Amino acid sequence: MSQPFTSAHRLVADPLYPSLKAYLIGATGLAYYTDKDSELATRVSQRLAELGLRDCGSYLALLKEGPRGETELDRLIE
């Protein structure tokens, strides 16, 4: 099994990062992150590490899981 992300730089290189970013901005309205990849990726990589997830695709899938995803979205932006 792959190791969880520990680096925001690696996260931005993930092919699904743009999709995750677009979803997060759309779901939260936090347009602040439109040009702040480093800050957003740092927050997301911390959540990935805490959850033991390894990539943007798995995190995006979690965020789309109804109530569980809504709870995680709240944790990300608090």
Protein backbone atom coordinates (compact mmCIF):
# COMPACT_ATOMS: atom_id res chain seq x y z
CA MET A 1 0.00 0.00 0.00
CA SER A 2 1.26 3.49 -0.82
CA GLN A 3 2.28 5.90 1.90
CA PRO A 4 -0.02 8.84 2.62
CA PHE A 5 0.95 12.21 1.23
CA THR A 6 3.23 14.21 3.46
CA SER A 7 4.16 16.93 0.99
CA ALA A 8 1.98 19.68 -0.43
CA HIS A 9 4.33 19.79 -3.44
CA ARG A 10 3.61 16.12 -4.21
CA LEU A 11 -0.09 16.74 -3.79
CA VAL A 12 -0.16 19.52 -6.40
CA ALA A 13 1.54 17.12 -8.84
CA ASP A 14 -1.30 14.59 -8.47
CA PRO A 15 -3.25 14.44 -11.77
CA LEU A 16 -6.55 14.77 -9.89
CA TYR A 17 -5.48 17.82 -7.86
CA PRO A 18 -7.19 20.28 -10.27
CA SER A 19 -10.46 18.32 -9.97
CA LEU A 20 -10.19 18.22 -6.19
CA LYS A 21 -9.41 21.93 -6.05
CA ALA A 22 -12.37 22.79 -8.30
CA TYR A 23 -14.67 20.64 -6.18
CA LEU A 24 -13.48 22.23 -2.94
CA ILE A 25 -13.85 25.78 -4.25
CA GLY A 26 -17.28 24.99 -5.68
CA ALA A 27 -18.53 23.25 -2.54
CA THR A 28 -17.23 25.87 -0.11
CA GLY A 29 -17.26 29.07 -2.12
CA LEU A 30 -13.70 29.71 -0.92
CA ALA A 31 -12.47 31.41 -4.10
CA TYR A 32 -9.53 32.63 -2.00
CA TYR A 33 -7.79 29.36 -2.89
CA THR A 34 -8.10 29.89 -6.65
CA ASP A 35 -4.50 31.10 -6.85
CA LYS A 36 -3.21 29.70 -3.54
CA ASP A 37 -2.22 26.14 -4.43
CA SER A 38 0.48 25.96 -1.79
CA GLU A 39 -1.89 26.91 1.04
CA LEU A 40 -4.71 24.67 -0.16
CA ALA A 41 -2.39 21.73 -0.79
CA THR A 42 -0.91 22.09 2.69
CA ARG A 43 -4.37 21.89 4.28
CA VAL A 44 -5.40 18.95 2.10
CA SER A 45 -2.14 17.05 2.65
CA GLN A 46 -2.62 17.38 6.42
CA ARG A 47 -6.10 15.88 6.12
CA LEU A 48 -4.81 13.08 3.87
CA ALA A 49 -2.15 12.22 6.43
CA GLU A 50 -4.65 12.23 9.30
CA LEU A 51 -7.04 10.01 7.36
CA GLY A 52 -4.36 7.68 5.98
CA LEU A 53 -5.33 8.45 2.39
CA ARG A 54 -2.76 8.46 -0.38
CA ASP A 55 -4.06 10.62 -3.22
CA CYS A 56 -6.46 13.27 -4.42
CA GLY A 57 -8.81 10.72 -5.97
CA SER A 58 -9.42 8.91 -2.70
CA TYR A 59 -9.97 12.20 -0.86
CA LEU A 60 -12.34 13.47 -3.55
CA ALA A 61 -14.32 10.21 -3.30
CA LEU A 62 -14.57 10.67 0.47
CA LEU A 63 -15.80 14.25 0.08
CA LYS A 64 -18.60 13.05 -2.19
CA GLU A 65 -19.87 10.46 0.34
CA GLY A 66 -22.89 12.41 1.57
CA PRO A 67 -22.90 13.16 5.31
CA ARG A 68 -19.42 11.72 5.83
CA GLY A 69 -18.09 13.96 3.06
CA GLU A 70 -19.85 17.01 4.47
CA THR A 71 -18.28 16.36 7.87
CA GLU A 72 -14.84 16.05 6.30
CA LEU A 73 -15.35 19.22 4.29
CA ASP A 74 -16.15 21.04 7.53
CA ARG A 75 -12.96 19.69 9.09
CA LEU A 76 -10.89 20.82 6.14
CA ILE A 77 -12.10 24.40 6.22
CA GLU A 78 -12.29 24.98 9.98
